[in-house]
N, C-alpha and C. Protein backbone atom coordinates (compact mmCIF):
# COMPACT_ATOMS: atom_id res chain seq x y z
N MET A 1 8.55 6.48 23.14
CA MET A 1 8.95 6.31 21.76
C MET A 1 8.15 7.25 20.87
N ARG A 2 8.78 8.22 20.33
CA ARG A 2 8.11 9.22 19.49
C ARG A 2 8.02 8.71 18.06
N LEU A 3 6.80 8.84 17.48
CA LEU A 3 6.54 8.41 16.12
C LEU A 3 6.07 9.57 15.26
N LEU A 4 6.36 9.45 13.97
CA LEU A 4 5.87 10.42 12.99
C LEU A 4 4.80 9.68 12.17
N GLY A 5 3.65 10.33 11.97
CA GLY A 5 2.59 9.78 11.16
C GLY A 5 2.53 10.52 9.84
N LEU A 6 2.34 9.78 8.74
CA LEU A 6 2.31 10.40 7.42
C LEU A 6 1.07 9.99 6.65
N ASP A 7 0.39 10.98 6.07
CA ASP A 7 -0.71 10.76 5.14
C ASP A 7 -0.18 11.13 3.77
N PHE A 8 0.19 10.13 2.98
CA PHE A 8 0.86 10.30 1.70
C PHE A 8 -0.17 10.58 0.60
N GLY A 9 0.01 11.69 -0.09
CA GLY A 9 -0.86 12.04 -1.20
C GLY A 9 -0.07 12.41 -2.42
N THR A 10 -0.76 12.62 -3.53
CA THR A 10 -0.05 12.95 -4.77
C THR A 10 0.44 14.39 -4.78
N LYS A 11 -0.22 15.29 -4.03
CA LYS A 11 0.15 16.70 -3.99
C LYS A 11 0.80 17.11 -2.68
N ARG A 12 0.37 16.46 -1.58
CA ARG A 12 0.84 16.83 -0.26
C ARG A 12 1.02 15.58 0.61
N ILE A 13 1.88 15.73 1.64
CA ILE A 13 2.03 14.71 2.66
C ILE A 13 1.68 15.37 3.98
N GLY A 14 0.65 14.87 4.61
CA GLY A 14 0.30 15.35 5.94
C GLY A 14 1.22 14.70 6.96
N VAL A 15 1.62 15.46 7.96
CA VAL A 15 2.57 14.96 8.95
C VAL A 15 2.01 15.21 10.35
N ALA A 16 2.09 14.15 11.19
CA ALA A 16 1.67 14.24 12.57
C ALA A 16 2.79 13.70 13.45
N LEU A 17 2.74 14.07 14.73
CA LEU A 17 3.78 13.64 15.66
C LEU A 17 3.13 13.12 16.93
N SER A 18 3.67 12.04 17.47
CA SER A 18 3.19 11.55 18.76
C SER A 18 3.94 12.23 19.88
N ASP A 19 3.38 12.12 21.07
CA ASP A 19 4.13 12.60 22.24
C ASP A 19 5.22 11.56 22.54
N GLU A 20 6.11 11.84 23.48
CA GLU A 20 7.24 10.95 23.75
C GLU A 20 6.80 9.62 24.32
N MET A 21 5.65 9.56 24.97
CA MET A 21 5.15 8.31 25.54
C MET A 21 4.37 7.47 24.53
N GLY A 22 4.07 8.04 23.36
CA GLY A 22 3.30 7.33 22.37
C GLY A 22 1.85 7.19 22.70
N TRP A 23 1.28 8.17 23.41
CA TRP A 23 -0.12 8.13 23.80
C TRP A 23 -1.01 8.98 22.91
N THR A 24 -0.48 10.11 22.46
CA THR A 24 -1.31 11.05 21.68
C THR A 24 -0.63 11.42 20.35
N SER A 25 -1.43 11.96 19.47
CA SER A 25 -0.88 12.45 18.21
C SER A 25 -1.46 13.82 17.92
N GLN A 26 -0.69 14.61 17.24
CA GLN A 26 -1.20 15.92 16.81
C GLN A 26 -0.60 16.27 15.46
N GLY A 27 -1.39 16.99 14.65
CA GLY A 27 -0.90 17.39 13.34
C GLY A 27 0.32 18.29 13.51
N LEU A 28 1.29 18.10 12.65
CA LEU A 28 2.54 18.88 12.76
C LEU A 28 2.68 19.85 11.58
N THR A 29 2.59 19.34 10.36
CA THR A 29 2.82 20.19 9.20
C THR A 29 2.29 19.47 7.95
N THR A 30 2.34 20.16 6.86
CA THR A 30 2.03 19.57 5.54
C THR A 30 3.19 19.85 4.61
N ILE A 31 3.63 18.80 3.94
CA ILE A 31 4.74 18.93 2.99
C ILE A 31 4.17 18.94 1.58
N GLU A 32 4.45 20.00 0.83
CA GLU A 32 4.07 20.07 -0.56
C GLU A 32 5.00 19.15 -1.34
N ARG A 33 4.46 18.21 -2.07
CA ARG A 33 5.25 17.22 -2.79
C ARG A 33 6.16 17.89 -3.82
N LYS A 34 7.44 17.50 -3.80
CA LYS A 34 8.43 18.01 -4.76
C LYS A 34 9.22 16.87 -5.36
N GLY A 35 8.74 15.64 -5.21
CA GLY A 35 9.46 14.46 -5.68
C GLY A 35 10.01 13.67 -4.48
N ASN A 36 10.11 12.37 -4.68
CA ASN A 36 10.50 11.52 -3.56
C ASN A 36 11.78 11.95 -2.83
N GLN A 37 12.82 12.30 -3.60
CA GLN A 37 14.11 12.69 -3.02
C GLN A 37 13.93 13.87 -2.05
N LYS A 38 13.34 14.95 -2.52
CA LYS A 38 13.15 16.14 -1.69
C LYS A 38 12.18 15.89 -0.54
N ASP A 39 11.12 15.11 -0.82
CA ASP A 39 10.16 14.80 0.24
C ASP A 39 10.82 14.01 1.37
N ILE A 40 11.63 13.04 1.01
CA ILE A 40 12.32 12.23 2.02
C ILE A 40 13.33 13.07 2.79
N GLU A 41 14.00 14.01 2.13
CA GLU A 41 14.91 14.92 2.83
C GLU A 41 14.18 15.72 3.89
N LYS A 42 12.98 16.25 3.53
CA LYS A 42 12.19 17.03 4.51
C LYS A 42 11.73 16.14 5.66
N ILE A 43 11.30 14.95 5.35
CA ILE A 43 10.86 14.02 6.40
C ILE A 43 12.05 13.66 7.27
N GLY A 44 13.21 13.46 6.67
CA GLY A 44 14.43 13.16 7.43
C GLY A 44 14.79 14.27 8.41
N ARG A 45 14.61 15.50 8.01
CA ARG A 45 14.89 16.62 8.90
C ARG A 45 13.92 16.62 10.10
N LEU A 46 12.66 16.28 9.83
CA LEU A 46 11.66 16.19 10.91
C LEU A 46 11.99 15.04 11.86
N VAL A 47 12.43 13.92 11.31
CA VAL A 47 12.82 12.77 12.12
C VAL A 47 13.95 13.16 13.07
N GLU A 48 14.94 13.84 12.55
CA GLU A 48 16.08 14.28 13.38
C GLU A 48 15.65 15.34 14.40
N GLU A 49 14.94 16.34 13.94
CA GLU A 49 14.55 17.45 14.82
C GLU A 49 13.70 16.99 16.01
N HIS A 50 12.81 16.01 15.77
CA HIS A 50 11.91 15.57 16.82
C HIS A 50 12.32 14.25 17.45
N GLU A 51 13.52 13.78 17.10
CA GLU A 51 14.06 12.52 17.64
C GLU A 51 13.05 11.38 17.50
N VAL A 52 12.58 11.20 16.29
CA VAL A 52 11.58 10.19 15.96
C VAL A 52 12.24 8.81 15.85
N GLU A 53 11.58 7.81 16.40
CA GLU A 53 12.13 6.45 16.37
C GLU A 53 11.44 5.56 15.34
N GLY A 54 10.34 6.02 14.77
CA GLY A 54 9.64 5.22 13.76
C GLY A 54 8.63 6.09 13.01
N ILE A 55 8.22 5.59 11.85
CA ILE A 55 7.27 6.29 11.00
C ILE A 55 6.07 5.40 10.77
N VAL A 56 4.87 5.97 10.91
CA VAL A 56 3.64 5.27 10.58
C VAL A 56 3.11 5.91 9.31
N LEU A 57 3.07 5.13 8.24
CA LEU A 57 2.69 5.62 6.92
C LEU A 57 1.33 5.01 6.55
N GLY A 58 0.38 5.89 6.29
CA GLY A 58 -0.96 5.44 5.91
C GLY A 58 -0.95 4.65 4.62
N LEU A 59 -1.57 3.46 4.64
CA LEU A 59 -1.68 2.62 3.45
C LEU A 59 -3.11 2.71 2.92
N PRO A 60 -3.29 3.28 1.73
CA PRO A 60 -4.64 3.47 1.20
C PRO A 60 -5.23 2.22 0.60
N LEU A 61 -5.95 1.48 1.40
CA LEU A 61 -6.61 0.27 0.93
C LEU A 61 -7.97 0.60 0.36
N ASN A 62 -8.43 -0.23 -0.59
CA ASN A 62 -9.79 -0.11 -1.08
C ASN A 62 -10.74 -0.55 0.02
N MET A 63 -12.01 -0.21 -0.13
CA MET A 63 -12.98 -0.54 0.92
C MET A 63 -13.08 -2.04 1.18
N ASP A 64 -12.77 -2.88 0.19
CA ASP A 64 -12.82 -4.32 0.38
C ASP A 64 -11.50 -4.90 0.90
N GLY A 65 -10.55 -3.99 1.22
CA GLY A 65 -9.28 -4.41 1.78
C GLY A 65 -8.20 -4.70 0.75
N SER A 66 -8.55 -4.65 -0.53
CA SER A 66 -7.56 -4.90 -1.57
C SER A 66 -6.70 -3.66 -1.80
N GLU A 67 -5.60 -3.85 -2.51
CA GLU A 67 -4.69 -2.76 -2.79
C GLU A 67 -4.75 -2.36 -4.25
N GLY A 68 -4.70 -1.05 -4.50
CA GLY A 68 -4.68 -0.53 -5.85
C GLY A 68 -3.36 0.16 -6.13
N LYS A 69 -3.39 1.04 -7.13
CA LYS A 69 -2.18 1.77 -7.54
C LYS A 69 -1.66 2.69 -6.45
N SER A 70 -2.56 3.30 -5.68
CA SER A 70 -2.14 4.20 -4.62
C SER A 70 -1.38 3.45 -3.55
N ALA A 71 -1.85 2.27 -3.20
CA ALA A 71 -1.17 1.45 -2.17
C ALA A 71 0.21 1.02 -2.68
N GLU A 72 0.29 0.71 -3.97
CA GLU A 72 1.58 0.34 -4.57
C GLU A 72 2.58 1.49 -4.46
N ALA A 73 2.10 2.71 -4.74
CA ALA A 73 2.98 3.88 -4.64
C ALA A 73 3.43 4.11 -3.19
N VAL A 74 2.52 3.89 -2.24
CA VAL A 74 2.88 4.05 -0.82
C VAL A 74 3.90 3.00 -0.41
N ARG A 75 3.75 1.76 -0.85
CA ARG A 75 4.70 0.71 -0.50
C ARG A 75 6.09 1.06 -1.07
N LYS A 76 6.16 1.59 -2.27
CA LYS A 76 7.45 1.97 -2.84
C LYS A 76 8.08 3.13 -2.02
N PHE A 77 7.23 4.10 -1.67
CA PHE A 77 7.71 5.23 -0.86
C PHE A 77 8.20 4.74 0.52
N ALA A 78 7.49 3.81 1.10
CA ALA A 78 7.87 3.25 2.40
C ALA A 78 9.24 2.59 2.31
N ALA A 79 9.47 1.85 1.25
CA ALA A 79 10.77 1.19 1.06
C ALA A 79 11.89 2.22 0.93
N LEU A 80 11.63 3.28 0.19
CA LEU A 80 12.63 4.34 0.06
C LEU A 80 12.90 5.04 1.38
N LEU A 81 11.84 5.32 2.14
CA LEU A 81 11.98 5.95 3.46
C LEU A 81 12.85 5.10 4.36
N GLN A 82 12.52 3.84 4.45
CA GLN A 82 13.25 2.92 5.32
C GLN A 82 14.72 2.81 4.92
N GLU A 83 14.96 2.73 3.63
CA GLU A 83 16.31 2.58 3.11
C GLU A 83 17.15 3.83 3.36
N ARG A 84 16.57 5.00 3.09
CA ARG A 84 17.35 6.23 3.19
C ARG A 84 17.44 6.80 4.60
N LEU A 85 16.40 6.62 5.39
CA LEU A 85 16.42 7.21 6.74
C LEU A 85 16.84 6.21 7.82
N LYS A 86 16.93 4.93 7.44
CA LYS A 86 17.32 3.88 8.42
C LYS A 86 16.40 3.93 9.63
N THR A 87 15.11 4.15 9.38
CA THR A 87 14.11 4.25 10.42
C THR A 87 13.01 3.25 10.11
N ALA A 88 12.47 2.62 11.15
CA ALA A 88 11.38 1.66 10.94
C ALA A 88 10.17 2.37 10.37
N VAL A 89 9.55 1.78 9.34
CA VAL A 89 8.35 2.31 8.72
C VAL A 89 7.25 1.27 8.87
N HIS A 90 6.16 1.68 9.53
CA HIS A 90 5.00 0.80 9.75
C HIS A 90 3.89 1.27 8.83
N LEU A 91 3.40 0.38 7.95
CA LEU A 91 2.25 0.71 7.12
C LEU A 91 0.99 0.47 7.92
N TRP A 92 0.03 1.40 7.81
CA TRP A 92 -1.20 1.33 8.60
C TRP A 92 -2.41 1.69 7.74
N ASP A 93 -3.43 0.88 7.84
CA ASP A 93 -4.66 1.06 7.09
C ASP A 93 -5.20 2.48 7.31
N GLU A 94 -5.35 3.22 6.24
CA GLU A 94 -5.82 4.61 6.38
C GLU A 94 -7.20 4.84 5.79
N ARG A 95 -7.93 3.73 5.53
CA ARG A 95 -9.27 3.88 4.92
C ARG A 95 -10.10 4.88 5.69
N LEU A 96 -10.65 5.82 4.95
CA LEU A 96 -11.57 6.84 5.45
C LEU A 96 -10.92 7.90 6.34
N SER A 97 -9.61 7.92 6.49
CA SER A 97 -8.99 8.92 7.36
C SER A 97 -9.21 10.34 6.82
N SER A 98 -9.05 10.55 5.51
CA SER A 98 -9.25 11.88 4.93
C SER A 98 -10.72 12.27 5.01
N TRP A 99 -11.61 11.31 4.77
CA TRP A 99 -13.05 11.55 4.88
C TRP A 99 -13.42 11.95 6.32
N GLU A 100 -12.85 11.22 7.28
CA GLU A 100 -13.10 11.54 8.71
C GLU A 100 -12.56 12.92 9.06
N ALA A 101 -11.38 13.22 8.56
CA ALA A 101 -10.77 14.54 8.83
C ALA A 101 -11.64 15.66 8.26
N GLU A 102 -12.13 15.47 7.02
CA GLU A 102 -13.03 16.46 6.42
C GLU A 102 -14.28 16.65 7.27
N GLY A 103 -14.84 15.55 7.76
CA GLY A 103 -16.04 15.62 8.59
C GLY A 103 -15.80 16.38 9.88
N ILE A 104 -14.67 16.15 10.51
CA ILE A 104 -14.31 16.84 11.75
C ILE A 104 -14.21 18.34 11.50
N LEU A 105 -13.55 18.70 10.41
CA LEU A 105 -13.36 20.11 10.08
C LEU A 105 -14.68 20.78 9.71
N LYS A 106 -15.55 20.09 9.00
CA LYS A 106 -16.88 20.63 8.66
C LYS A 106 -17.69 20.86 9.92
N GLU A 107 -17.66 19.85 10.81
CA GLU A 107 -18.42 19.96 12.05
C GLU A 107 -17.93 21.14 12.90
N ALA A 108 -16.62 21.39 12.83
CA ALA A 108 -16.03 22.49 13.56
C ALA A 108 -16.24 23.83 12.83
N GLN A 109 -16.95 23.77 11.69
CA GLN A 109 -17.27 24.94 10.88
C GLN A 109 -16.02 25.67 10.36
N VAL A 110 -15.02 24.88 10.04
CA VAL A 110 -13.82 25.44 9.40
C VAL A 110 -14.15 25.70 7.95
N LYS A 111 -13.84 26.91 7.49
CA LYS A 111 -14.14 27.30 6.12
C LYS A 111 -13.39 26.42 5.13
N PRO A 112 -14.02 26.18 3.94
CA PRO A 112 -13.40 25.27 2.95
C PRO A 112 -11.95 25.60 2.60
N LYS A 113 -11.61 26.86 2.44
CA LYS A 113 -10.24 27.24 2.09
C LYS A 113 -9.27 26.83 3.21
N LYS A 114 -9.65 27.06 4.44
CA LYS A 114 -8.81 26.68 5.59
C LYS A 114 -8.75 25.17 5.74
N ARG A 115 -9.88 24.47 5.46
CA ARG A 115 -9.92 23.00 5.56
C ARG A 115 -8.86 22.39 4.64
N LYS A 116 -8.74 22.92 3.45
CA LYS A 116 -7.77 22.40 2.47
C LYS A 116 -6.34 22.49 3.03
N GLN A 117 -6.09 23.51 3.82
CA GLN A 117 -4.75 23.70 4.39
C GLN A 117 -4.42 22.74 5.53
N VAL A 118 -5.44 22.22 6.21
CA VAL A 118 -5.17 21.41 7.40
C VAL A 118 -5.64 19.96 7.32
N VAL A 119 -6.42 19.62 6.30
CA VAL A 119 -7.01 18.29 6.24
C VAL A 119 -5.94 17.19 6.20
N ASP A 120 -4.83 17.40 5.50
CA ASP A 120 -3.80 16.38 5.38
C ASP A 120 -3.10 16.08 6.70
N LYS A 121 -2.77 17.14 7.44
CA LYS A 121 -2.10 16.87 8.73
C LYS A 121 -3.07 16.33 9.75
N LEU A 122 -4.36 16.66 9.66
CA LEU A 122 -5.36 16.07 10.54
C LEU A 122 -5.53 14.60 10.20
N ALA A 123 -5.55 14.26 8.90
CA ALA A 123 -5.64 12.85 8.49
C ALA A 123 -4.43 12.09 9.00
N ALA A 124 -3.25 12.68 8.94
CA ALA A 124 -2.02 12.04 9.45
C ALA A 124 -2.17 11.80 10.97
N ALA A 125 -2.73 12.77 11.68
CA ALA A 125 -2.92 12.64 13.13
C ALA A 125 -3.91 11.48 13.42
N LEU A 126 -4.94 11.35 12.61
CA LEU A 126 -5.91 10.27 12.81
C LEU A 126 -5.29 8.90 12.51
N ILE A 127 -4.47 8.82 11.48
CA ILE A 127 -3.76 7.57 11.16
C ILE A 127 -2.87 7.18 12.33
N LEU A 128 -2.08 8.14 12.81
CA LEU A 128 -1.15 7.89 13.91
C LEU A 128 -1.91 7.53 15.19
N LYS A 129 -3.00 8.21 15.46
CA LYS A 129 -3.82 7.90 16.64
C LYS A 129 -4.34 6.48 16.59
N SER A 130 -4.84 6.05 15.44
CA SER A 130 -5.34 4.71 15.26
C SER A 130 -4.24 3.67 15.53
N TYR A 131 -3.07 3.93 15.00
CA TYR A 131 -1.93 3.02 15.20
C TYR A 131 -1.57 2.93 16.67
N LEU A 132 -1.47 4.08 17.33
CA LEU A 132 -1.09 4.11 18.76
C LEU A 132 -2.11 3.36 19.59
N GLU A 133 -3.39 3.56 19.32
CA GLU A 133 -4.45 2.85 20.07
C GLU A 133 -4.35 1.35 19.88
N ALA A 134 -4.10 0.90 18.64
CA ALA A 134 -3.97 -0.52 18.35
C ALA A 134 -2.77 -1.12 19.09
N GLN A 135 -1.68 -0.35 19.18
CA GLN A 135 -0.49 -0.84 19.87
C GLN A 135 -0.76 -0.99 21.37
N ARG A 136 -1.49 -0.04 21.94
CA ARG A 136 -1.83 -0.13 23.37
C ARG A 136 -2.75 -1.33 23.63
N GLU A 137 -3.72 -1.53 22.74
CA GLU A 137 -4.66 -2.64 22.91
C GLU A 137 -3.94 -3.99 22.80
N SER A 138 -2.99 -4.10 21.89
CA SER A 138 -2.28 -5.36 21.73
C SER A 138 -1.32 -5.61 22.90
N ALA A 139 -0.91 -4.57 23.60
CA ALA A 139 -0.01 -4.68 24.74
C ALA A 139 -0.78 -5.13 26.00
N ASP A 140 -2.07 -4.90 26.02
CA ASP A 140 -2.88 -5.27 27.21
C ASP A 140 -3.12 -6.74 27.31
């Protein structure tokens, strides 16, 4: 079952893809935000192209687990995705995913300009990886 992972931001959406078995995730692309309609069309093309069966969308929770305005925006986007693409959308806690992605890139000595270009899709890959691991653990 192939899944698409999304790190939803105000300027960009990071996109990751799982392998067909749902074991691994890798960064795929970054979508520059152009409004929900156009963003969903681009995501829809990726869903079709990669024969995706579900979407894992990062839910930005506060450190105490509460939801703020960002989480509200993600929930609205998730509803639109599910309605328009007729694809299951799973919300997944994304706390610290962007921070972790930045740390990985710094440790790898990726220059700041290049980091900006890849941090969103790496964050999406980390969100998707976390979801896949949790699914495997719950299946055991």
